[in-house]
Protein backbone atom coordinates (compact mmCIF):
# COMPACT_ATOMS: atom_id res chain seq x y z
CA MET A 1 -105.05 133.81 49.16
CA LYS A 2 -104.10 135.80 46.04
CA SER A 3 -104.46 132.72 43.79
CA TYR A 4 -108.07 132.31 44.94
CA LEU A 5 -108.83 135.93 44.08
CA LEU A 6 -107.37 135.46 40.59
CA ALA A 7 -109.49 132.35 39.98
CA LEU A 8 -112.74 134.00 41.07
CA PRO A 9 -113.29 135.90 37.79
CA LEU A 10 -112.69 132.68 35.84
CA LEU A 11 -115.39 130.88 37.85
CA CYS A 12 -117.80 133.69 37.05
CA LEU A 13 -117.20 133.63 33.28
CA PRO A 14 -120.17 131.46 32.25
CA ALA A 15 -122.63 133.53 34.30
CA CYS A 16 -121.03 136.82 33.33
CA ALA A 17 -121.06 135.88 29.64
CA GLY A 18 -124.77 135.08 29.80
CA ILE A 19 -124.29 131.35 29.21
CA THR A 20 -127.41 129.66 30.50
CA GLU A 21 -127.14 126.23 28.92
CA ALA A 22 -129.72 124.07 30.76
CA SER A 23 -127.41 121.07 31.00
CA SER A 24 -124.64 123.02 32.73
CA VAL A 25 -126.46 125.60 34.84
CA ALA A 26 -129.31 124.51 37.10
CA PRO A 27 -131.82 127.02 38.48
CA ALA A 28 -131.18 128.17 42.04
CA MET A 29 -134.37 126.43 43.16
CA VAL A 30 -137.93 125.62 42.24
CA VAL A 31 -140.65 126.40 44.76
CA VAL A 32 -143.88 124.44 44.39
CA ASP A 33 -147.21 124.95 46.14
CA GLU A 34 -148.86 121.54 46.38
CA GLN A 35 -152.21 123.12 45.49
CA ASP A 36 -150.79 123.88 42.03
CA VAL A 37 -149.98 120.21 41.30
CA ILE A 38 -152.93 118.38 42.87
CA ARG A 39 -155.05 115.88 40.98
CA GLU A 40 -157.42 113.02 41.71
CA GLU A 41 -156.33 109.77 40.11
CA ALA A 42 -156.13 106.03 40.60
CA PRO A 43 -152.86 105.06 42.28
CA PRO A 44 -150.11 103.64 40.07
CA HIS A 45 -149.35 99.95 39.63
CA GLY A 46 -152.80 98.42 39.50
CA LYS A 47 -155.15 101.40 39.81
CA ILE A 48 -156.59 100.06 43.09
CA GLY A 49 -159.08 102.60 44.44
CA MET A 50 -158.56 106.37 44.24
CA SER A 51 -155.97 108.82 45.50
CA THR A 52 -155.07 112.46 45.60
CA ALA A 53 -151.69 112.96 43.94
CA TYR A 54 -149.36 115.92 44.43
CA ARG A 55 -146.81 115.65 41.60
CA ILE A 56 -144.37 118.05 43.23
CA SER A 57 -141.12 117.23 41.45
CA ASP A 58 -142.74 117.40 38.00
CA GLN A 59 -142.24 121.18 38.23
CA ALA A 60 -138.43 120.87 38.52
CA PRO A 61 -136.62 120.89 35.17
CA ASP A 62 -133.72 118.47 34.67
CA ARG A 63 -134.39 116.81 38.05
CA THR A 64 -132.56 113.66 39.16
CA MET A 65 -135.18 112.50 41.65
CA GLU A 66 -138.90 112.17 42.14
CA PHE A 67 -140.60 113.64 45.21
CA ARG A 68 -144.31 113.07 45.49
CA LYS A 69 -147.08 113.28 48.04
CA ARG A 70 -149.97 110.88 47.65
CA SER A 71 -153.11 110.44 49.73
CA LEU A 72 -154.51 106.94 49.32
CA HIS A 73 -158.26 107.07 49.92
CA PRO A 74 -159.83 104.30 52.06
CA GLY A 75 -159.34 100.95 50.35
CA ALA A 76 -156.74 102.26 47.86
CA ALA A 77 -153.29 100.82 47.19
CA VAL A 78 -150.15 101.29 45.17
CA GLY A 79 -149.99 97.81 43.69
CA GLU A 80 -146.95 95.60 43.95
CA HIS A 81 -144.22 96.37 41.43
CA VAL A 82 -140.50 95.73 41.09
CA ILE A 83 -138.44 98.89 41.61
CA ALA A 84 -135.24 99.72 39.72
CA HIS A 85 -133.89 102.06 42.41
CA ASP A 86 -134.02 102.55 46.17
CA GLU A 87 -137.26 104.24 47.27
CA VAL A 88 -138.66 105.73 50.49
CA TYR A 89 -142.30 105.80 51.65
CA TYR A 90 -142.80 108.24 54.57
CA VAL A 91 -146.19 108.32 56.34
CA VAL A 92 -147.48 111.85 56.98
CA SER A 93 -150.77 110.58 58.40
CA GLY A 94 -152.98 107.51 58.47
CA ARG A 95 -152.14 103.82 58.49
CA GLY A 96 -150.99 101.41 55.85
CA ILE A 97 -149.44 98.04 55.15
CA VAL A 98 -146.20 98.12 53.14
CA ILE A 99 -144.99 94.99 51.39
CA SER A 100 -141.50 94.23 50.11
CA ASP A 101 -140.65 90.84 48.62
CA GLY A 102 -143.55 89.22 50.49
CA GLU A 103 -142.75 90.74 53.91
CA GLU A 104 -145.53 92.98 55.28
CA ARG A 105 -145.27 95.68 57.95
CA GLU A 106 -147.76 98.20 59.30
CA LEU A 107 -146.77 101.85 59.01
CA THR A 108 -148.32 104.72 60.95
CA THR A 109 -147.78 108.48 61.17
CA GLY A 110 -144.09 109.38 61.35
CA MET A 111 -142.83 105.99 60.16
CA SER A 112 -141.03 105.27 56.92
CA ALA A 113 -140.03 102.27 54.85
CA TYR A 114 -136.73 102.27 52.97
CA LEU A 115 -137.17 99.94 50.02
CA TYR A 116 -134.30 98.51 47.97
CA ASP A 117 -133.50 98.28 44.27
CA GLY A 118 -134.91 95.08 42.78
CA ALA A 119 -137.56 94.50 45.46
CA ASN A 120 -141.23 93.82 44.63
CA VAL A 121 -143.00 96.53 46.67
CA GLY A 122 -146.42 98.08 47.27
CA ILE A 123 -148.48 99.78 49.97
CA ARG A 124 -152.18 99.76 50.87
CA GLN A 125 -154.29 102.03 53.04
CA ILE A 126 -155.98 100.57 56.13
CA GLY A 127 -158.31 102.16 58.67
CA ASP A 128 -160.86 104.96 58.36
CA GLU A 129 -158.67 107.89 57.31
CA PRO A 130 -156.62 108.32 54.14
CA LEU A 131 -152.99 107.20 54.12
CA VAL A 132 -150.90 110.27 53.24
CA LEU A 133 -147.41 109.44 51.99
CA ILE A 134 -144.30 111.18 50.77
CA ILE A 135 -142.61 108.99 48.15
CA SER A 136 -139.10 109.73 46.91
CA TYR A 137 -136.67 107.98 44.60
CA PRO A 138 -133.92 108.76 42.08
CA ILE A 139 -134.63 108.75 38.36
CA PRO A 140 -132.60 105.79 37.04
CA GLY A 141 -130.42 106.54 34.05
CA HIS A 142 -130.61 110.32 34.37
CA PRO A 143 -127.60 111.76 32.46
CA ARG A 144 -126.49 114.00 35.35
CA LEU A 145 -126.38 111.00 37.71
CA ALA A 146 -124.43 108.98 35.14
CA GLU A 147 -121.86 111.82 34.84
CA LYS A 148 -121.22 111.73 38.60
CA ASP A 149 -120.69 107.95 38.56
CA GLN A 150 -117.87 108.25 36.00
């Protein structure tokens, strides 16, 4: 027990000394209100139709992942594209057709699609209401991820 108490001041040294180097000390958290990051734009990978994008993770400095909410308006789609990471599409509301390497599946509220590195993927809205998605994936090649792999 005593050895832990002796080490505690050493662990505190960077913070106590005022060292705030961005690469070594991450913020405790970043809180984002989606209303602060909302914008109307064509969806990525083909600009098929229109969408409402909530670029949530853009507010997090030195992040290792993307976390986005996107509402695909009727007729809109994220066009097919090859991904260089695993990716998840989670349906908050609405209906859509997800495609991965030519295989199509319908997704509805509460469903998700886990998509794999190297797959050719996309998703399109179907039905009368917008397709609201949460999309999340790691940022390939991020230095902090590379450090952990070593």
